[in-house]
Every structure is written in C-alpha cells, then in structure tokens.
Amino acid sequence: MDIDYVFQNVANKVEVYTELRKKLKLGDEDIAVVGDDLNDLEIMKIAKYSFTVADGLQELKNIAKYVSIYDGGKGAVRDIIQFCIKEKIINFEEND
C-alpha cells in the first residue's frame, strides 16, 4: 500500500484534518471521511463526504452520506470505496 500519511491516537481530529487539508491544498469538498465513534463526528460534519460502518454510532449514521452494510474491520472500507466508485465520488481516470 502506498500511504503517505497516518495519524494514530489523535486527540483533536479537526486540528489534524485542517492542517493536512491546508498542506495538501485541498478543500473540504475534496475529502472523504470514514468514522465510527463520537470522536469522528466533528470531522464528518466538515468533510463533504462522510461515511460510517454498520456498527458505527447512530449519531454518525444520521449525518453519513452512506452507511456500509458491514461492520468496521469486516469489509466496510471496501464497501465504502465501491460505493464511491459507483457514485463517481472517486474518479481514478483523473489520476492516470
């Protein structure tokens, strides 16, 4: 996997989100967030595309663009990526 940034044990996710967004020169409309717990709620409200998993909290399900039918760690990320491709949220042709 070619992952450029990984943040773990983050106390303030909005701060990290904002700093990374500025560093990469992205707008909120360019960002998708997957969350499952209350500490993800604020960034899910900011990013244009927010997603959660079947076992995510109801508060997140209420605002998510899509709720995976799979629990976290059980195929949810793949399901969300497939949803994004089908809905043309992700367009790999732009990056070719």
PDB file of N, CA and C in Angstrom:
ATOM      1  N   MET A   1       0.850  -1.184   0.000  1.00  0.00           N
ATOM      2  CA  MET A   1       0.000   0.000   0.000  1.00  0.00           C
ATOM      3  C   MET A   1       0.887   1.235   0.000  1.00  0.00           C
ATOM      4  N   ASP A   2       0.446   2.222  -0.725  1.00  0.00           N
ATOM      5  CA  ASP A   2       1.203   3.467  -0.841  1.00  0.00           C
ATOM      6  C   ASP A   2       0.486   4.547  -0.036  1.00  0.00           C
ATOM      7  N   ILE A   3       0.731   4.576   1.263  1.00  0.00           N
ATOM      8  CA  ILE A   3       0.062   5.503   2.168  1.00  0.00           C
ATOM      9  C   ILE A   3       1.069   6.572   2.585  1.00  0.00           C
ATOM     10  N   ASP A   4       0.728   7.827   2.346  1.00  0.00           N
ATOM     11  CA  ASP A   4       1.643   8.922   2.654  1.00  0.00           C
ATOM     12  C   ASP A   4       1.506   9.449   4.076  1.00  0.00           C
ATOM     13  N   TYR A   5       0.307   9.393   4.645  1.00  0.00           N
ATOM     14  CA  TYR A   5       0.083   9.970   5.965  1.00  0.00           C
ATOM     15  C   TYR A   5      -0.732   9.017   6.823  1.00  0.00           C
ATOM     16  N   VAL A   6      -0.275   8.806   8.039  1.00  0.00           N
ATOM     17  CA  VAL A   6      -1.004   8.004   9.023  1.00  0.00           C
ATOM     18  C   VAL A   6      -0.937   8.746  10.349  1.00  0.00           C
ATOM     19  N   PHE A   7      -2.082   8.930  10.972  1.00  0.00           N
ATOM     20  CA  PHE A   7      -2.147   9.599  12.265  1.00  0.00           C
ATOM     21  C   PHE A   7      -2.854   8.656  13.231  1.00  0.00           C
ATOM     22  N   GLN A   8      -2.218   8.382  14.341  1.00  0.00           N
ATOM     23  CA  GLN A   8      -2.797   7.487  15.340  1.00  0.00           C
ATOM     24  C   GLN A   8      -2.874   8.196  16.678  1.00  0.00           C
ATOM     25  N   ASN A   9      -3.841   7.769  17.490  1.00  0.00           N
ATOM     26  CA  ASN A   9      -4.010   8.325  18.837  1.00  0.00           C
ATOM     27  C   ASN A   9      -4.128   9.844  18.816  1.00  0.00           C
ATOM     28  N   VAL A  10      -4.937  10.354  17.907  1.00  0.00           N
ATOM     29  CA  VAL A  10      -5.114  11.794  17.745  1.00  0.00           C
ATOM     30  C   VAL A  10      -6.198  12.285  18.700  1.00  0.00           C
ATOM     31  N   ALA A  11      -5.849  13.261  19.526  1.00  0.00           N
ATOM     32  CA  ALA A  11      -6.811  13.817  20.472  1.00  0.00           C
ATOM     33  C   ALA A  11      -7.763  14.801  19.776  1.00  0.00           C
ATOM     34  N   ASN A  12      -7.231  15.616  18.862  1.00  0.00           N
ATOM     35  CA  ASN A  12      -8.040  16.621  18.180  1.00  0.00           C
ATOM     36  C   ASN A  12      -8.017  16.348  16.681  1.00  0.00           C
ATOM     37  N   LYS A  13      -8.987  15.599  16.213  1.00  0.00           N
ATOM     38  CA  LYS A  13      -9.025  15.212  14.802  1.00  0.00           C
ATOM     39  C   LYS A  13      -9.293  16.389  13.882  1.00  0.00           C
ATOM     40  N   VAL A  14     -10.054  17.367  14.331  1.00  0.00           N
ATOM     41  CA  VAL A  14     -10.335  18.540  13.500  1.00  0.00           C
ATOM     42  C   VAL A  14      -9.045  19.305  13.229  1.00  0.00           C
ATOM     43  N   GLU A  15      -8.195  19.441  14.214  1.00  0.00           N
ATOM     44  CA  GLU A  15      -6.926  20.147  14.047  1.00  0.00           C
ATOM     45  C   GLU A  15      -6.032  19.433  13.022  1.00  0.00           C
ATOM     46  N   VAL A  16      -5.911  18.132  13.135  1.00  0.00           N
ATOM     47  CA  VAL A  16      -5.098  17.356  12.191  1.00  0.00           C
ATOM     48  C   VAL A  16      -5.715  17.418  10.798  1.00  0.00           C
ATOM     49  N   TYR A  17      -7.010  17.284  10.708  1.00  0.00           N
ATOM     50  CA  TYR A  17      -7.731  17.380   9.432  1.00  0.00           C
ATOM     51  C   TYR A  17      -7.421  18.719   8.760  1.00  0.00           C
ATOM     52  N   THR A  18      -7.557  19.798   9.515  1.00  0.00           N
ATOM     53  CA  THR A  18      -7.350  21.139   8.978  1.00  0.00           C
ATOM     54  C   THR A  18      -5.913  21.339   8.512  1.00  0.00           C
ATOM     55  N   GLU A  19      -4.948  20.907   9.309  1.00  0.00           N
ATOM     56  CA  GLU A  19      -3.539  21.052   8.944  1.00  0.00           C
ATOM     57  C   GLU A  19      -3.206  20.257   7.681  1.00  0.00           C
ATOM     58  N   LEU A  20      -3.683  19.022   7.599  1.00  0.00           N
ATOM     59  CA  LEU A  20      -3.402  18.201   6.426  1.00  0.00           C
ATOM     60  C   LEU A  20      -4.101  18.752   5.180  1.00  0.00           C
ATOM     61  N   ARG A  21      -5.333  19.224   5.346  1.00  0.00           N
ATOM     62  CA  ARG A  21      -6.070  19.813   4.228  1.00  0.00           C
ATOM     63  C   ARG A  21      -5.298  21.002   3.662  1.00  0.00           C
ATOM     64  N   LYS A  22      -4.786  21.855   4.534  1.00  0.00           N
ATOM     65  CA  LYS A  22      -4.013  23.020   4.082  1.00  0.00           C
ATOM     66  C   LYS A  22      -2.707  22.589   3.424  1.00  0.00           C
ATOM     67  N   LYS A  23      -2.009  21.645   4.041  1.00  0.00           N
ATOM     68  CA  LYS A  23      -0.737  21.176   3.495  1.00  0.00           C
ATOM     69  C   LYS A  23      -0.903  20.612   2.089  1.00  0.00           C
ATOM     70  N   LEU A  24      -1.978  19.881   1.857  1.00  0.00           N
ATOM     71  CA  LEU A  24      -2.236  19.258   0.560  1.00  0.00           C
ATOM     72  C   LEU A  24      -3.009  20.168  -0.390  1.00  0.00           C
ATOM     73  N   LYS A  25      -3.346  21.368   0.093  1.00  0.00           N
ATOM     74  CA  LYS A  25      -4.082  22.358  -0.711  1.00  0.00           C
ATOM     75  C   LYS A  25      -5.402  21.788  -1.232  1.00  0.00           C
ATOM     76  N   LEU A  26      -6.166  21.207  -0.303  1.00  0.00           N
ATOM     77  CA  LEU A  26      -7.463  20.619  -0.635  1.00  0.00           C
ATOM     78  C   LEU A  26      -8.568  21.431   0.023  1.00  0.00           C
ATOM     79  N   GLY A  27      -9.737  21.350  -0.559  1.00  0.00           N
ATOM     80  CA  GLY A  27     -10.917  21.919   0.070  1.00  0.00           C
ATOM     81  C   GLY A  27     -11.706  20.814   0.752  1.00  0.00           C
ATOM     82  N   ASP A  28     -12.629  21.192   1.600  1.00  0.00           N
ATOM     83  CA  ASP A  28     -13.464  20.192   2.270  1.00  0.00           C
ATOM     84  C   ASP A  28     -14.217  19.339   1.259  1.00  0.00           C
ATOM     85  N   GLU A  29     -14.502  19.906   0.086  1.00  0.00           N
ATOM     86  CA  GLU A  29     -15.223  19.180  -0.966  1.00  0.00           C
ATOM     87  C   GLU A  29     -14.380  18.087  -1.606  1.00  0.00           C
ATOM     88  N   ASP A  30     -13.086  18.063  -1.311  1.00  0.00           N
ATOM     89  CA  ASP A  30     -12.174  17.065  -1.874  1.00  0.00           C
ATOM     90  C   ASP A  30     -11.904  15.893  -0.925  1.00  0.00           C
ATOM     91  N   ILE A  31     -12.544  15.907   0.233  1.00  0.00           N
ATOM     92  CA  ILE A  31     -12.167  14.970   1.284  1.00  0.00           C
ATOM     93  C   ILE A  31     -13.336  14.064   1.676  1.00  0.00           C
ATOM     94  N   ALA A  32     -13.006  12.788   1.855  1.00  0.00           N
ATOM     95  CA  ALA A  32     -13.962  11.809   2.369  1.00  0.00           C
ATOM     96  C   ALA A  32     -13.460  11.309   3.715  1.00  0.00           C
ATOM     97  N   VAL A  33     -14.372  11.128   4.645  1.00  0.00           N
ATOM     98  CA  VAL A  33     -14.045  10.692   6.000  1.00  0.00           C
ATOM     99  C   VAL A  33     -14.885   9.471   6.340  1.00  0.00           C
ATOM    100  N   VAL A  34     -14.249   8.481   6.939  1.00  0.00           N
ATOM    101  CA  VAL A  34     -14.965   7.318   7.457  1.00  0.00           C
ATOM    102  C   VAL A  34     -14.802   7.329   8.971  1.00  0.00           C
ATOM    103  N   GLY A  35     -15.907   7.314   9.683  1.00  0.00           N
ATOM    104  CA  GLY A  35     -15.863   7.328  11.138  1.00  0.00           C
ATOM    105  C   GLY A  35     -16.772   6.280  11.727  1.00  0.00           C
ATOM    106  N   ASP A  36     -16.549   5.997  13.018  1.00  0.00           N
ATOM    107  CA  ASP A  36     -17.399   5.017  13.683  1.00  0.00           C
ATOM    108  C   ASP A  36     -17.766   5.393  15.116  1.00  0.00           C
ATOM    109  N   ASP A  37     -17.170   6.461  15.646  1.00  0.00           N
ATOM    110  CA  ASP A  37     -17.403   6.804  17.045  1.00  0.00           C
ATOM    111  C   ASP A  37     -17.526   8.325  17.199  1.00  0.00           C
ATOM    112  N   LEU A  38     -17.910   8.770  18.382  1.00  0.00           N
ATOM    113  CA  LEU A  38     -18.166  10.187  18.624  1.00  0.00           C
ATOM    114  C   LEU A  38     -16.981  11.090  18.310  1.00  0.00           C
ATOM    115  N   ASN A  39     -15.757  10.584  18.476  1.00  0.00           N
ATOM    116  CA  ASN A  39     -14.599  11.427  18.196  1.00  0.00           C
ATOM    117  C   ASN A  39     -14.431  11.704  16.702  1.00  0.00           C
ATOM    118  N   ASP A  40     -15.235  11.104  15.853  1.00  0.00           N
ATOM    119  CA  ASP A  40     -15.215  11.337  14.411  1.00  0.00           C
ATOM    120  C   ASP A  40     -16.317  12.302  13.957  1.00  0.00           C
ATOM    121  N   LEU A  41     -17.230  12.612  14.839  1.00  0.00           N
ATOM    122  CA  LEU A  41     -18.421  13.386  14.476  1.00  0.00           C
ATOM    123  C   LEU A  41     -18.082  14.748  13.881  1.00  0.00           C
ATOM    124  N   GLU A  42     -17.192  15.495  14.497  1.00  0.00           N
ATOM    125  CA  GLU A  42     -16.907  16.857  14.027  1.00  0.00           C
ATOM    126  C   GLU A  42     -16.264  16.875  12.643  1.00  0.00           C
ATOM    127  N   ILE A  43     -15.320  15.958  12.369  1.00  0.00           N
ATOM    128  CA  ILE A  43     -14.722  15.971  11.028  1.00  0.00           C
ATOM    129  C   ILE A  43     -15.704  15.440   9.992  1.00  0.00           C
ATOM    130  N   MET A  44     -16.608  14.588  10.407  1.00  0.00           N
ATOM    131  CA  MET A  44     -17.634  14.112   9.474  1.00  0.00           C
ATOM    132  C   MET A  44     -18.572  15.246   9.078  1.00  0.00           C
ATOM    133  N   LYS A  45     -18.762  16.210   9.961  1.00  0.00           N
ATOM    134  CA  LYS A  45     -19.595  17.373   9.651  1.00  0.00           C
ATOM    135  C   LYS A  45     -18.886  18.332   8.706  1.00  0.00           C
ATOM    136  N   ILE A  46     -17.556  18.329   8.714  1.00  0.00           N
ATOM    137  CA  ILE A  46     -16.771  19.270   7.908  1.00  0.00           C
ATOM    138  C   ILE A  46     -16.562  18.756   6.484  1.00  0.00           C
ATOM    139  N   ALA A  47     -16.128  17.508   6.355  1.00  0.00           N
ATOM    140  CA  ALA A  47     -15.821  16.942   5.037  1.00  0.00           C
ATOM    141  C   ALA A  47     -17.101  16.807   4.209  1.00  0.00           C
ATOM    142  N   LYS A  48     -16.970  17.000   2.913  1.00  0.00           N
ATOM    143  CA  LYS A  48     -18.144  16.887   2.039  1.00  0.00           C
ATOM    144  C   LYS A  48     -18.713  15.479   2.058  1.00  0.00           C
ATOM    145  N   TYR A  49     -17.834  14.489   2.065  1.00  0.00           N
ATOM    146  CA  TYR A  49     -18.274  13.102   2.018  1.00  0.00           C
ATOM    147  C   TYR A  49     -17.940  12.414   3.331  1.00  0.00           C
ATOM    148  N   SER A  50     -18.967  11.994   4.035  1.00  0.00           N
ATOM    149  CA  SER A  50     -18.738  11.284   5.295  1.00  0.00           C
ATOM    150  C   SER A  50     -19.468   9.951   5.257  1.00  0.00           C
ATOM    151  N   PHE A  51     -18.800   8.954   5.786  1.00  0.00           N
ATOM    152  CA  PHE A  51     -19.303   7.589   5.761  1.00  0.00           C
ATOM    153  C   PHE A  51     -19.122   6.964   7.137  1.00  0.00           C
ATOM    154  N   THR A  52     -19.926   5.952   7.407  1.00  0.00           N
ATOM    155  CA  THR A  52     -19.746   5.191   8.629  1.00  0.00           C
ATOM    156  C   THR A  52     -20.018   3.719   8.346  1.00  0.00           C
ATOM    157  N   VAL A  53     -19.798   2.921   9.350  1.00  0.00           N
ATOM    158  CA  VAL A  53     -19.901   1.467   9.237  1.00  0.00           C
ATOM    159  C   VAL A  53     -21.171   0.989   9.944  1.00  0.00           C
ATOM    160  N   ALA A  54     -21.566  -0.236   9.681  1.00  0.00           N
ATOM    161  CA  ALA A  54     -22.814  -0.770  10.244  1.00  0.00           C
ATOM    162  C   ALA A  54     -22.835  -0.701  11.766  1.00  0.00           C
ATOM    163  N   ASP A  55     -21.677  -0.914  12.394  1.00  0.00           N
ATOM    164  CA  ASP A  55     -21.628  -0.864  13.855  1.00  0.00           C
ATOM    165  C   ASP A  55     -21.189   0.499  14.382  1.00  0.00           C
ATOM    166  N   GLY A  56     -21.267   1.526  13.527  1.00  0.00           N
ATOM    167  CA  GLY A  56     -20.980   2.897  13.955  1.00  0.00           C
ATOM    168  C   GLY A  56     -22.134   3.446  14.787  1.00  0.00           C
ATOM    169  N   LEU A  57     -21.863   4.518  15.483  1.00  0.00           N
ATOM    170  CA  LEU A  57     -22.888   5.128  16.320  1.00  0.00           C
ATOM    171  C   LEU A  57     -24.002   5.759  15.493  1.00  0.00           C
ATOM    172  N   GLN A  58     -25.185   5.785  16.056  1.00  0.00           N
ATOM    173  CA  GLN A  58     -26.349   6.341  15.362  1.00  0.00           C
ATOM    174  C   GLN A  58     -26.133   7.805  14.993  1.00  0.00           C
ATOM    175  N   GLU A  59     -25.462   8.574  15.851  1.00  0.00           N
ATOM    176  CA  GLU A  59     -25.209   9.987  15.550  1.00  0.00           C
ATOM    177  C   GLU A  59     -24.457  10.149  14.236  1.00  0.00           C
ATOM    178  N   LEU A  60     -23.547   9.227  13.946  1.00  0.00           N
ATOM    179  CA  LEU A  60     -22.793   9.264  12.698  1.00  0.00           C
ATOM    180  C   LEU A  60     -23.656   8.787  11.542  1.00  0.00           C
ATOM    181  N   LYS A  61     -24.454   7.780  11.762  1.00  0.00           N
ATOM    182  CA  LYS A  61     -25.353   7.286  10.718  1.00  0.00           C
ATOM    183  C   LYS A  61     -26.324   8.381  10.279  1.00  0.00           C
ATOM    184  N   ASN A  62     -26.708   9.237  11.211  1.00  0.00           N
ATOM    185  CA  ASN A  62     -27.655  10.316  10.903  1.00  0.00           C
ATOM    186  C   ASN A  62     -27.092  11.332   9.919  1.00  0.00           C
ATOM    187  N   ILE A  63     -25.771  11.502   9.882  1.00  0.00           N
ATOM    188  CA  ILE A  63     -25.176  12.522   9.008  1.00  0.00           C
ATOM    189  C   ILE A  63     -24.378  11.925   7.852  1.00  0.00           C
ATOM    190  N   ALA A  64     -24.153  10.635   7.858  1.00  0.00           N
ATOM    191  CA  ALA A  64     -23.323   9.996   6.830  1.00  0.00           C
ATOM    192  C   ALA A  64     -24.016  10.001   5.477  1.00  0.00           C
ATOM    193  N   LYS A  65     -23.224  10.186   4.425  1.00  0.00           N
ATOM    194  CA  LYS A  65     -23.736  10.086   3.053  1.00  0.00           C
ATOM    195  C   LYS A  65     -24.107   8.638   2.750  1.00  0.00           C
ATOM    196  N   TYR A  66     -23.354   7.708   3.359  1.00  0.00           N
ATOM    197  CA  TYR A  66     -23.596   6.285   3.139  1.00  0.00           C
ATOM    198  C   TYR A  66     -23.179   5.530   4.393  1.00  0.00           C
ATOM    199  N   VAL A  67     -23.989   4.562   4.769  1.00  0.00           N
ATOM    200  CA  VAL A  67     -23.678   3.670   5.884  1.00  0.00           C
ATOM    201  C   VAL A  67     -23.423   2.291   5.301  1.00  0.00           C
ATOM    202  N   SER A  68     -22.223   1.781   5.505  1.00  0.00           N
ATOM    203  CA  SER A  68     -21.887   0.451   4.994  1.00  0.00           C
ATOM    204  C   SER A  68     -22.770  -0.606   5.652  1.00  0.00           C
ATOM    205  N   ILE A  69     -23.023  -1.662   4.929  1.00  0.00           N
ATOM    206  CA  ILE A  69     -23.774  -2.782   5.495  1.00  0.00           C
ATOM    207  C   ILE A  69     -22.860  -3.675   6.335  1.00  0.00           C
ATOM    208  N   TYR A  70     -21.557  -3.376   6.311  1.00  0.00           N
ATOM    209  CA  TYR A  70     -20.566  -4.180   7.035  1.00  0.00           C
ATOM    210  C   TYR A  70     -20.052  -3.438   8.261  1.00  0.00           C
ATOM    211  N   ASP A  71     -19.727  -4.214   9.284  1.00  0.00           N
ATOM    212  CA  ASP A  71     -19.099  -3.649  10.472  1.00  0.00           C
ATOM    213  C   ASP A  71     -17.670  -3.234  10.153  1.00  0.00           C
ATOM    214  N   GLY A  72     -17.128  -2.349  10.978  1.00  0.00           N
ATOM    215  CA  GLY A  72     -15.736  -1.957  10.845  1.00  0.00           C
ATOM    216  C   GLY A  72     -14.834  -3.173  10.982  1.00  0.00           C
ATOM    217  N   GLY A  73     -13.832  -3.271  10.099  1.00  0.00           N
ATOM    218  CA  GLY A  73     -12.907  -4.401  10.124  1.00  0.00           C
ATOM    219  C   GLY A  73     -13.442  -5.656   9.465  1.00  0.00           C
ATOM    220  N   LYS A  74     -14.642  -5.563   8.880  1.00  0.00           N
ATOM    221  CA  LYS A  74     -15.260  -6.744   8.274  1.00  0.00           C
ATOM    222  C   LYS A  74     -15.749  -6.459   6.851  1.00  0.00           C
ATOM    223  N   GLY A  75     -14.990  -5.622   6.134  1.00  0.00           N
ATOM    224  CA  GLY A  75     -15.328  -5.330   4.747  1.00  0.00           C
ATOM    225  C   GLY A  75     -15.943  -3.967   4.506  1.00  0.00           C
ATOM    226  N   ALA A  76     -16.068  -3.153   5.536  1.00  0.00           N
ATOM    227  CA  ALA A  76     -16.720  -1.852   5.398  1.00  0.00           C
ATOM    228  C   ALA A  76     -15.949  -0.901   4.483  1.00  0.00           C
ATOM    229  N   VAL A  77     -14.631  -0.857   4.603  1.00  0.00           N
ATOM    230  CA  VAL A  77     -13.857   0.072   3.772  1.00  0.00           C
ATOM    231  C   VAL A  77     -13.993  -0.286   2.298  1.00  0.00           C
ATOM    232  N   ARG A  78     -13.901  -1.552   1.988  1.00  0.00           N
ATOM    233  CA  ARG A  78     -14.083  -1.984   0.591  1.00  0.00           C
ATOM    234  C   ARG A  78     -15.479  -1.603   0.095  1.00  0.00           C
ATOM    235  N   ASP A  79     -16.484  -1.815   0.908  1.00  0.00           N
ATOM    236  CA  ASP A  79     -17.855  -1.477   0.555  1.00  0.00           C
ATOM    237  C   ASP A  79     -17.993   0.031   0.306  1.00  0.00           C
ATOM    238  N   ILE A  80     -17.394   0.846   1.148  1.00  0.00           N
ATOM    239  CA  ILE A  80     -17.472   2.304   1.008  1.00  0.00           C
ATOM    240  C   ILE A  80     -16.738   2.753  -0.248  1.00  0.00           C
ATOM    241  N   ILE A  81     -15.576   2.171  -0.526  1.00  0.00           N
ATOM    242  CA  ILE A  81     -14.846   2.515  -1.755  1.00  0.00           C
ATOM    243  C   ILE A  81     -15.671   2.146  -2.984  1.00  0.00           C
ATOM    244  N   GLN A  82     -16.289   0.968  -2.970  1.00  0.00           N
ATOM    245  CA  GLN A  82     -17.139   0.569  -4.102  1.00  0.00           C
ATOM    246  C   GLN A  82     -18.304   1.539  -4.276  1.00  0.00           C
ATOM    247  N   PHE A  83     -18.896   1.979  -3.175  1.00  0.00           N
ATOM    248  CA  PHE A  83     -19.966   2.972  -3.239  1.00  0.00           C
ATOM    249  C   PHE A  83     -19.447   4.258  -3.888  1.00  0.00           C
ATOM    250  N   CYS A  84     -18.271   4.712  -3.475  1.00  0.00           N
ATOM    251  CA  CYS A  84     -17.694   5.951  -4.017  1.00  0.00           C
ATOM    252  C   CYS A  84     -17.411   5.838  -5.509  1.00  0.00           C
ATOM    253  N   ILE A  85     -16.951   4.689  -5.944  1.00  0.00           N
ATOM    254  CA  ILE A  85     -16.681   4.485  -7.372  1.00  0.00           C
ATOM    255  C   ILE A  85     -17.998   4.498  -8.151  1.00  0.00           C
ATOM    256  N   LYS A  86     -18.999   3.786  -7.667  1.00  0.00           N
ATOM    257  CA  LYS A  86     -20.288   3.723  -8.357  1.00  0.00           C
ATOM    258  C   LYS A  86     -20.965   5.090  -8.428  1.00  0.00           C
ATOM    259  N   GLU A  87     -20.824   5.859  -7.363  1.00  0.00           N
ATOM    260  CA  GLU A  87     -21.458   7.176  -7.303  1.00  0.00           C
ATOM    261  C   GLU A  87     -20.578   8.265  -7.914  1.00  0.00           C
ATOM    262  N   LYS A  88     -19.428   7.855  -8.451  1.00  0.00           N
ATOM    263  CA  LYS A  88     -18.474   8.766  -9.086  1.00  0.00           C
ATOM    264  C   LYS A  88     -17.926   9.820  -8.116  1.00  0.00           C
ATOM    265  N   ILE A  89     -17.851   9.465  -6.847  1.00  0.00           N
ATOM    266  CA  ILE A  89     -17.198  10.304  -5.845  1.00  0.00           C
ATOM    267  C   ILE A  89     -15.691  10.173  -6.018  1.00  0.00           C
ATOM    268  N   ILE A  90     -15.255   8.965  -6.376  1.00  0.00           N
ATOM    269  CA  ILE A  90     -13.847   8.706  -6.695  1.00  0.00           C
ATOM    270  C   ILE A  90     -13.782   8.478  -8.197  1.00  0.00           C
ATOM    271  N   ASN A  91     -12.875   9.186  -8.851  1.00  0.00           N
ATOM    272  CA  ASN A  91     -12.691   9.017 -10.284  1.00  0.00           C
ATOM    273  C   ASN A  91     -11.223   8.743 -10.536  1.00  0.00           C
ATOM    274  N   PHE A  92     -10.871   7.490 -10.740  1.00  0.00           N
ATOM    275  CA  PHE A  92      -9.491   7.128 -10.933  1.00  0.00           C
ATOM    276  C   PHE A  92      -8.938   7.598 -12.266  1.00  0.00           C
ATOM    277  N   GLU A  93      -9.795   7.886 -13.221  1.00  0.00           N
ATOM    278  CA  GLU A  93      -9.345   8.328 -14.534  1.00  0.00           C
ATOM    279  C   GLU A  93      -8.630   9.671 -14.462  1.00  0.00           C
ATOM    280  N   GLU A  94      -8.997  10.523 -13.506  1.00  0.00           N
ATOM    281  CA  GLU A  94      -8.349  11.823 -13.352  1.00  0.00           C
ATOM    282  C   GLU A  94      -6.887  11.688 -12.953  1.00  0.00           C
ATOM    283  N   ASN A  95      -6.533  10.583 -12.300  1.00  0.00           N
ATOM    284  CA  ASN A  95      -5.182  10.399 -11.785  1.00  0.00           C
ATOM    285  C   ASN A  95      -4.285   9.635 -12.741  1.00  0.00           C
ATOM    286  N   ASP A  96      -4.790   9.178 -13.871  1.00  0.00           N
ATOM    287  CA  ASP A  96      -3.991   8.407 -14.829  1.00  0.00           C
ATOM    288  C   ASP A  96      -2.977   9.272 -15.536  1.00  0.00           C
TER     289      ASP A  96
END
